[in-house]
C-alpha atoms as a PDB file:
ATOM      1  CA  MET A   1       1.567  18.259  13.797  1.00  0.00           C
ATOM      2  CA  SER A   2      -0.087  21.395  12.486  1.00  0.00           C
ATOM      3  CA  TRP A   3      -3.280  23.277  13.195  1.00  0.00           C
ATOM      4  CA  ALA A   4      -5.085  25.903  11.190  1.00  0.00           C
ATOM      5  CA  GLY A   5      -7.583  28.571  12.157  1.00  0.00           C
ATOM      6  CA  ALA A   6     -10.420  30.194  10.237  1.00  0.00           C
ATOM      7  CA  THR A   7      -9.525  31.459   6.791  1.00  0.00           C
ATOM      8  CA  HIS A   8     -10.079  34.751   5.028  1.00  0.00           C
ATOM      9  CA  LEU A   9      -6.577  35.488   3.798  1.00  0.00           C
ATOM     10  CA  VAL A  10      -6.157  34.929   0.066  1.00  0.00           C
ATOM     11  CA  GLU A  11      -2.509  33.898   0.324  1.00  0.00           C
ATOM     12  CA  PRO A  12      -0.380  33.656   3.478  1.00  0.00           C
ATOM     13  CA  ARG A  13       2.475  36.151   3.070  1.00  0.00           C
ATOM     14  CA  ILE A  14       5.148  34.100   4.748  1.00  0.00           C
ATOM     15  CA  ASP A  15       7.436  31.563   3.136  1.00  0.00           C
ATOM     16  CA  GLY A  16      10.450  29.466   3.850  1.00  0.00           C
ATOM     17  CA  SER A  17      12.825  31.618   1.833  1.00  0.00           C
ATOM     18  CA  LYS A  18      12.148  34.688   3.971  1.00  0.00           C
ATOM     19  CA  LEU A  19      12.769  32.756   7.166  1.00  0.00           C
ATOM     20  CA  VAL A  20      15.908  31.099   5.852  1.00  0.00           C
ATOM     21  CA  GLU A  21      17.266  34.442   4.635  1.00  0.00           C
ATOM     22  CA  GLN A  22      17.120  35.623   8.246  1.00  0.00           C
ATOM     23  CA  HIS A  23      18.879  32.568   9.635  1.00  0.00           C
ATOM     24  CA  HIS A  24      21.712  34.757  10.906  1.00  0.00           C
ATOM     25  CA  LEU A  25      19.334  35.945  13.644  1.00  0.00           C
ATOM     26  CA  PHE A  26      18.946  32.430  15.058  1.00  0.00           C
ATOM     27  CA  TYR A  27      21.743  32.784  17.586  1.00  0.00           C
ATOM     28  CA  GLY A  28      20.724  36.219  18.795  1.00  0.00           C
ATOM     29  CA  PHE A  29      18.103  35.038  21.297  1.00  0.00           C
ATOM     30  CA  SER A  30      19.718  32.993  24.090  1.00  0.00           C
ATOM     31  CA  GLY A  31      20.913  30.385  21.600  1.00  0.00           C
ATOM     32  CA  TRP A  32      17.494  28.856  20.946  1.00  0.00           C
ATOM     33  CA  GLY A  33      17.167  30.221  17.425  1.00  0.00           C
ATOM     34  CA  ILE A  34      14.137  32.408  16.941  1.00  0.00           C
ATOM     35  CA  VAL A  35      13.138  34.438  13.899  1.00  0.00           C
ATOM     36  CA  VAL A  36      10.179  36.810  14.017  1.00  0.00           C
ATOM     37  CA  VAL A  37       8.923  38.378  10.786  1.00  0.00           C
ATOM     38  CA  SER A  38       5.893  40.312   9.582  1.00  0.00           C
ATOM     39  CA  SER A  39       4.783  41.565   6.188  1.00  0.00           C
ATOM     40  CA  GLY A  40       1.805  43.131   4.453  1.00  0.00           C
ATOM     41  CA  PRO A  41       0.048  46.482   4.803  1.00  0.00           C
ATOM     42  CA  GLY A  42      -2.717  47.397   7.246  1.00  0.00           C
ATOM     43  CA  ASN A  43      -5.113  44.632   8.253  1.00  0.00           C
ATOM     44  CA  ASN A  44      -3.320  42.089   6.048  1.00  0.00           C
ATOM     45  CA  THR A  45      -0.135  42.095   8.129  1.00  0.00           C
ATOM     46  CA  VAL A  46       0.988  38.531   8.777  1.00  0.00           C
ATOM     47  CA  TYR A  47       3.038  37.741  11.874  1.00  0.00           C
ATOM     48  CA  GLY A  48       5.375  34.770  11.749  1.00  0.00           C
ATOM     49  CA  LEU A  49       7.624  32.960  14.205  1.00  0.00           C
ATOM     50  CA  ALA A  50      10.181  30.216  13.635  1.00  0.00           C
ATOM     51  CA  GLN A  51      11.682  28.537  16.692  1.00  0.00           C
ATOM     52  CA  CYS A  52      14.519  26.055  16.958  1.00  0.00           C
ATOM     53  CA  TRP A  53      14.522  23.562  19.807  1.00  0.00           C
ATOM     54  CA  GLY A  54      17.521  22.347  21.749  1.00  0.00           C
ATOM     55  CA  VAL A  55      21.188  23.102  22.105  1.00  0.00           C
ATOM     56  CA  PRO A  56      23.234  24.974  19.451  1.00  0.00           C
ATOM     57  CA  ASP A  57      24.873  21.802  18.082  1.00  0.00           C
ATOM     58  CA  ILE A  58      21.446  20.360  17.277  1.00  0.00           C
ATOM     59  CA  ILE A  59      20.330  23.684  15.795  1.00  0.00           C
ATOM     60  CA  LYS A  60      23.275  23.625  13.398  1.00  0.00           C
ATOM     61  CA  GLN A  61      22.654  20.034  12.327  1.00  0.00           C
ATOM     62  CA  ARG A  62      18.868  19.877  12.076  1.00  0.00           C
ATOM     63  CA  CYS A  63      16.957  23.087  12.602  1.00  0.00           C
ATOM     64  CA  TYR A  64      18.317  25.299   9.828  1.00  0.00           C
ATOM     65  CA  PRO A  65      17.440  22.891   6.976  1.00  0.00           C
ATOM     66  CA  GLY A  66      14.248  21.933   8.792  1.00  0.00           C
ATOM     67  CA  ILE A  67      12.773  25.444   8.886  1.00  0.00           C
ATOM     68  CA  GLN A  68      12.283  25.697   5.129  1.00  0.00           C
ATOM     69  CA  GLY A  69      10.664  22.271   4.915  1.00  0.00           C
ATOM     70  CA  ALA A  70       8.441  23.017   7.910  1.00  0.00           C
ATOM     71  CA  VAL A  71       7.131  26.232   6.345  1.00  0.00           C
ATOM     72  CA  GLN A  72       6.405  24.506   3.037  1.00  0.00           C
ATOM     73  CA  LYS A  73       4.582  21.674   4.809  1.00  0.00           C
ATOM     74  CA  LEU A  74       2.588  24.127   6.930  1.00  0.00           C
ATOM     75  CA  LEU A  75       1.402  26.194   3.983  1.00  0.00           C
ATOM     76  CA  LYS A  76       0.452  23.030   2.096  1.00  0.00           C
ATOM     77  CA  SER A  77      -1.434  21.532   5.058  1.00  0.00           C
ATOM     78  CA  CYS A  78      -3.193  24.745   6.126  1.00  0.00           C
ATOM     79  CA  PRO A  79      -3.658  26.759   2.921  1.00  0.00           C
ATOM     80  CA  ARG A  80      -5.148  30.245   3.128  1.00  0.00           C
ATOM     81  CA  SER A  81      -5.557  30.024   6.902  1.00  0.00           C
ATOM     82  CA  THR A  82      -5.399  33.087   9.116  1.00  0.00           C
ATOM     83  CA  ASP A  83      -3.613  31.251  11.940  1.00  0.00           C
ATOM     84  CA  ALA A  84      -1.558  28.081  11.524  1.00  0.00           C
ATOM     85  CA  GLN A  85       1.326  26.307  13.226  1.00  0.00           C
ATOM     86  CA  ILE A  86       3.485  23.222  12.744  1.00  0.00           C
ATOM     87  CA  TRP A  87       5.606  21.445  15.355  1.00  0.00           C
ATOM     88  CA  CYS A  88       8.511  19.263  14.219  1.00  0.00           C
ATOM     89  CA  ASP A  89      11.253  17.495  16.165  1.00  0.00           C
ATOM     90  CA  TYR A  90      13.707  20.353  15.783  1.00  0.00           C
ATOM     91  CA  CYS A  91      11.613  23.431  15.126  1.00  0.00           C
ATOM     92  CA  SER A  92       8.208  25.083  15.217  1.00  0.00           C
ATOM     93  CA  VAL A  93       6.775  27.553  12.702  1.00  0.00           C
ATOM     94  CA  ARG A  94       3.658  29.683  13.111  1.00  0.00           C
ATOM     95  CA  TYR A  95       1.986  32.520  11.233  1.00  0.00           C
ATOM     96  CA  SER A  96      -1.131  34.518  12.072  1.00  0.00           C
ATOM     97  CA  LEU A  97      -3.016  37.671  11.144  1.00  0.00           C
ATOM     98  CA  ASP A  98      -3.110  38.460  14.870  1.00  0.00           C
ATOM     99  CA  ASN A  99      -0.056  39.585  16.790  1.00  0.00           C
ATOM    100  CA  PHE A 100       0.496  36.578  19.056  1.00  0.00           C
ATOM    101  CA  PHE A 101       3.997  37.494  20.201  1.00  0.00           C
ATOM    102  CA  GLY A 102       4.379  37.197  23.958  1.00  0.00           C
ATOM    103  CA  ALA A 103       1.128  35.272  24.542  1.00  0.00           C
ATOM    104  CA  PHE A 104       0.040  31.632  24.464  1.00  0.00           C
ATOM    105  CA  ASP A 105      -3.200  29.881  23.545  1.00  0.00           C
ATOM    106  CA  ALA A 106      -4.125  26.882  25.708  1.00  0.00           C
ATOM    107  CA  SER A 107      -7.135  25.999  23.538  1.00  0.00           C
ATOM    108  CA  LYS A 108      -4.979  24.539  20.741  1.00  0.00           C
ATOM    109  CA  TYR A 109      -2.921  21.544  21.784  1.00  0.00           C
ATOM    110  CA  ALA A 110      -1.742  18.150  20.627  1.00  0.00           C
ATOM    111  CA  LEU A 111      -0.490  15.079  22.457  1.00  0.00           C
ATOM    112  CA  VAL A 112       1.992  12.353  21.597  1.00  0.00           C
ATOM    113  CA  LYS A 113       1.911   9.327  23.904  1.00  0.00           C
ATOM    114  CA  ASN A 114       4.501   6.656  24.532  1.00  0.00           C
ATOM    115  CA  MET A 115       2.897   3.418  23.352  1.00  0.00           C
ATOM    116  CA  ALA A 116       3.963   1.497  26.470  1.00  0.00           C
ATOM    117  CA  ASN A 117       1.976   1.503  29.708  1.00  0.00           C
ATOM    118  CA  TYR A 118       3.874   1.981  32.956  1.00  0.00           C
ATOM    119  CA  LYS A 119       3.860  -0.890  35.448  1.00  0.00           C
ATOM    120  CA  ASP A 120       2.786   1.389  38.334  1.00  0.00           C
ATOM    121  CA  PRO A 121       0.863   4.324  36.824  1.00  0.00           C
ATOM    122  CA  LYS A 122      -0.413   5.522  40.206  1.00  0.00           C
ATOM    123  CA  SER A 123       3.147   6.025  41.434  1.00  0.00           C
ATOM    124  CA  LEU A 124       4.251   7.684  38.202  1.00  0.00           C
ATOM    125  CA  PHE A 125       1.401  10.165  38.017  1.00  0.00           C
ATOM    126  CA  SER A 126       1.573  11.015  41.722  1.00  0.00           C
ATOM    127  CA  ASN A 127       5.179  12.094  41.161  1.00  0.00           C
ATOM    128  CA  LEU A 128       4.445  14.256  38.121  1.00  0.00           C
ATOM    129  CA  GLY A 129       3.234  17.081  40.366  1.00  0.00           C
ATOM    130  CA  PRO A 130       6.468  17.487  42.364  1.00  0.00           C
ATOM    131  CA  LEU A 131       8.548  16.940  39.230  1.00  0.00           C
ATOM    132  CA  PHE A 132       6.895  19.703  37.226  1.00  0.00           C
ATOM    133  CA  GLU A 133       6.639  22.043  40.201  1.00  0.00           C
ATOM    134  CA  ASN A 134      10.426  21.992  40.102  1.00  0.00           C
ATOM    135  CA  ILE A 135      10.466  22.523  36.331  1.00  0.00           C
ATOM    136  CA  ILE A 136       7.991  25.418  36.468  1.00  0.00           C
ATOM    137  CA  ARG A 137       9.996  27.042  39.255  1.00  0.00           C
ATOM    138  CA  LYS A 138      13.108  26.844  37.085  1.00  0.00           C
ATOM    139  CA  ILE A 139      11.457  27.995  33.881  1.00  0.00           C
ATOM    140  CA  ALA A 140      10.068  31.094  35.620  1.00  0.00           C
ATOM    141  CA  ASP A 141      13.682  32.157  36.218  1.00  0.00           C
ATOM    142  CA  PRO A 142      15.078  34.238  33.299  1.00  0.00           C
ATOM    143  CA  ALA A 143      18.441  32.518  33.769  1.00  0.00           C
ATOM    144  CA  TYR A 144      16.974  29.317  32.297  1.00  0.00           C
ATOM    145  CA  SER A 145      16.064  31.008  28.976  1.00  0.00           C
ATOM    146  CA  GLY A 146      12.752  29.196  28.678  1.00  0.00           C
ATOM    147  CA  ILE A 147      13.965  25.603  28.968  1.00  0.00           C
ATOM    148  CA  ALA A 148      14.172  23.397  32.067  1.00  0.00           C
ATOM    149  CA  ARG A 149      14.573  19.738  33.005  1.00  0.00           C
ATOM    150  CA  ALA A 150      14.300  17.737  36.218  1.00  0.00           C
ATOM    151  CA  GLN A 151      14.120  14.142  37.418  1.00  0.00           C
ATOM    152  CA  ILE A 152      12.735  12.249  40.380  1.00  0.00           C
ATOM    153  CA  ASP A 153      13.241   8.685  41.620  1.00  0.00           C
ATOM    154  CA  LEU A 154      10.289   6.311  41.488  1.00  0.00           C
ATOM    155  CA  PRO A 155       9.665   3.294  43.740  1.00  0.00           C
ATOM    156  CA  GLY A 156      11.189   0.172  42.232  1.00  0.00           C
ATOM    157  CA  GLY A 157      14.327   1.827  40.930  1.00  0.00           C
ATOM    158  CA  ASP A 158      13.050   3.759  37.894  1.00  0.00           C
ATOM    159  CA  THR A 159      13.654   7.451  37.330  1.00  0.00           C
ATOM    160  CA  LEU A 160      11.009   9.826  35.997  1.00  0.00           C
ATOM    161  CA  TYR A 161      12.392  12.543  33.721  1.00  0.00           C
ATOM    162  CA  GLY A 162      10.575  15.731  32.799  1.00  0.00           C
ATOM    163  CA  GLY A 163      11.275  18.736  30.633  1.00  0.00           C
ATOM    164  CA  ALA A 164       9.625  21.819  29.203  1.00  0.00           C
ATOM    165  CA  GLN A 165      10.503  24.555  26.733  1.00  0.00           C
ATOM    166  CA  CYS A 166       8.835  27.758  25.553  1.00  0.00           C
ATOM    167  CA  THR A 167       9.165  29.818  22.415  1.00  0.00           C
ATOM    168  CA  ALA A 168      11.592  32.652  23.003  1.00  0.00           C
ATOM    169  CA  ASP A 169       8.967  35.387  22.564  1.00  0.00           C
ATOM    170  CA  LEU A 170       7.387  34.434  25.907  1.00  0.00           C
ATOM    171  CA  ARG A 171       8.545  36.226  29.023  1.00  0.00           C
ATOM    172  CA  PRO A 172       9.276  33.954  32.024  1.00  0.00           C
ATOM    173  CA  PRO A 173       5.888  34.537  33.752  1.00  0.00           C
ATOM    174  CA  GLU A 174       3.961  33.667  30.562  1.00  0.00           C
ATOM    175  CA  CYS A 175       6.302  30.748  29.933  1.00  0.00           C
ATOM    176  CA  SER A 176       5.611  29.221  33.347  1.00  0.00           C
ATOM    177  CA  ARG A 177       1.852  29.672  32.855  1.00  0.00           C
ATOM    178  CA  CYS A 178       2.044  28.018  29.444  1.00  0.00           C
ATOM    179  CA  VAL A 179       3.876  25.004  30.863  1.00  0.00           C
ATOM    180  CA  ASP A 180       1.414  24.803  33.752  1.00  0.00           C
ATOM    181  CA  ALA A 181      -1.461  24.724  31.254  1.00  0.00           C
ATOM    182  CA  ALA A 182       0.301  22.028  29.213  1.00  0.00           C
ATOM    183  CA  ILE A 183       0.922  19.645  32.095  1.00  0.00           C
ATOM    184  CA  LYS A 184      -2.734  19.739  33.126  1.00  0.00           C
ATOM    185  CA  ASN A 185      -3.317  17.483  30.115  1.00  0.00           C
ATOM    186  CA  PHE A 186      -1.093  14.720  31.509  1.00  0.00           C
ATOM    187  CA  ASP A 187      -3.614  13.495  34.047  1.00  0.00           C
ATOM    188  CA  ASN A 188      -6.570  13.669  31.663  1.00  0.00           C
ATOM    189  CA  PHE A 189      -5.067  12.151  28.529  1.00  0.00           C
ATOM    190  CA  CYS A 190      -1.795  10.352  29.269  1.00  0.00           C
ATOM    191  CA  LYS A 191      -2.635   7.660  31.849  1.00  0.00           C
ATOM    192  CA  PRO A 192      -1.353   4.961  32.075  1.00  0.00           C
ATOM    193  CA  ARG A 193       1.406   5.687  29.547  1.00  0.00           C
ATOM    194  CA  GLN A 194       4.999   5.790  30.724  1.00  0.00           C
ATOM    195  CA  GLY A 195       5.661   8.890  28.642  1.00  0.00           C
ATOM    196  CA  CYS A 196       3.756  11.751  27.059  1.00  0.00           C
ATOM    197  CA  ARG A 197       4.336  15.034  25.211  1.00  0.00           C
ATOM    198  CA  VAL A 198       1.917  17.966  25.188  1.00  0.00           C
ATOM    199  CA  TYR A 199       2.280  20.801  22.687  1.00  0.00           C
ATOM    200  CA  LEU A 200       0.603  24.188  23.111  1.00  0.00           C
ATOM    201  CA  SER A 201       0.986  27.169  20.788  1.00  0.00           C
ATOM    202  CA  SER A 202       4.060  28.481  22.613  1.00  0.00           C
ATOM    203  CA  CYS A 203       5.433  25.662  24.760  1.00  0.00           C
ATOM    204  CA  LEU A 204       5.831  21.933  25.138  1.00  0.00           C
ATOM    205  CA  ALA A 205       6.084  19.634  28.156  1.00  0.00           C
ATOM    206  CA  ARG A 206       7.257  16.036  28.255  1.00  0.00           C
ATOM    207  CA  HIS A 207       7.821  13.205  30.711  1.00  0.00           C
ATOM    208  CA  GLU A 208       9.415   9.774  30.223  1.00  0.00           C
ATOM    209  CA  VAL A 209      10.998   7.001  32.285  1.00  0.00           C
ATOM    210  CA  PHE A 210      14.185   7.282  30.218  1.00  0.00           C
ATOM    211  CA  ASN A 211      16.596  10.172  29.963  1.00  0.00           C
ATOM    212  CA  PHE A 212      15.657  12.276  26.953  1.00  0.00           C
ATOM    213  CA  SER A 213      16.685  15.725  25.799  1.00  0.00           C
ATOM    214  CA  PHE A 214      15.192  18.450  23.618  1.00  0.00           C
ATOM    215  CA  PRO A 215      14.853  17.925  20.744  1.00  0.00           C
ATOM    216  CA  LEU A 216      14.331  14.236  20.026  1.00  0.00           C
ATOM    217  CA  THR A 217      17.069  11.865  18.928  1.00  0.00           C
ATOM    218  CA  LEU A 218      18.877  12.667  15.707  1.00  0.00           C
ATOM    219  CA  GLY A 219      17.364   9.620  14.052  1.00  0.00           C
ATOM    220  CA  SER A 220      13.822  10.969  14.309  1.00  0.00           C
ATOM    221  CA  ARG A 221      12.444  12.925  11.347  1.00  0.00           C
ATOM    222  CA  LYS A 222       8.741  13.100  12.121  1.00  0.00           C
ATOM    223  CA  SER A 223       6.409  16.055  12.182  1.00  0.00           C
ATOM    224  CA  MET A 224       2.930  15.678  13.629  1.00  0.00           C
ATOM    225  CA  MET A 225       0.081  16.793  11.414  1.00  0.00           C
ATOM    226  CA  ILE A 226      -3.332  17.622  12.852  1.00  0.00           C
ATOM    227  CA  SER A 227      -5.709  20.440  12.043  1.00  0.00           C
ATOM    228  CA  SER A 228      -8.625  22.157  13.722  1.00  0.00           C
ATOM    229  CA  LEU A 229     -10.845  24.764  12.106  1.00  0.00           C
END
């Protein structure tokens, strides 16, 4: 998915080659693979962030080649925008004229729902609160480096799995607030689905009734494309 803000920049001054050239920085931030760049004089400075998702083995296999393609797709989908972002399975890329580092925007979000309905949605959604209370408590701890998972047993023998991850520019307090804002969308938009993902500008939250991990399975190659002006 991608979103784009209002436009007054003639040409976004961020490209895949610049991000890829700085790939050696990817392992310098708790192993999650973040690159932060800026360019341009005065009011035309452009801030950019590229974030890999998941464990280092996945970063090596998928994120590095994915960054360049993600940037190219973002610039094509949101040309001449002052603020734009794309989320893919293995990475996220954002650029903006405003310095967004260390903050999150709850007004821009996207959802991906599991197509299957759960047999007992009341039970599932009543357990989301305790599940993500545990996740938010973990993710507020710097030791978790902005990623946390948890699970809880459901009546009937199923297990509900949850997870959340933030971009590495967020401090733990902002990370926990971002995840809290993301999960508020579960109740409003995800019933009665057995799984749902919510993406905000600087974090994602997901629940399923199967054991998943960040990022998605290696067989998945999708990126989700939406835009809002």
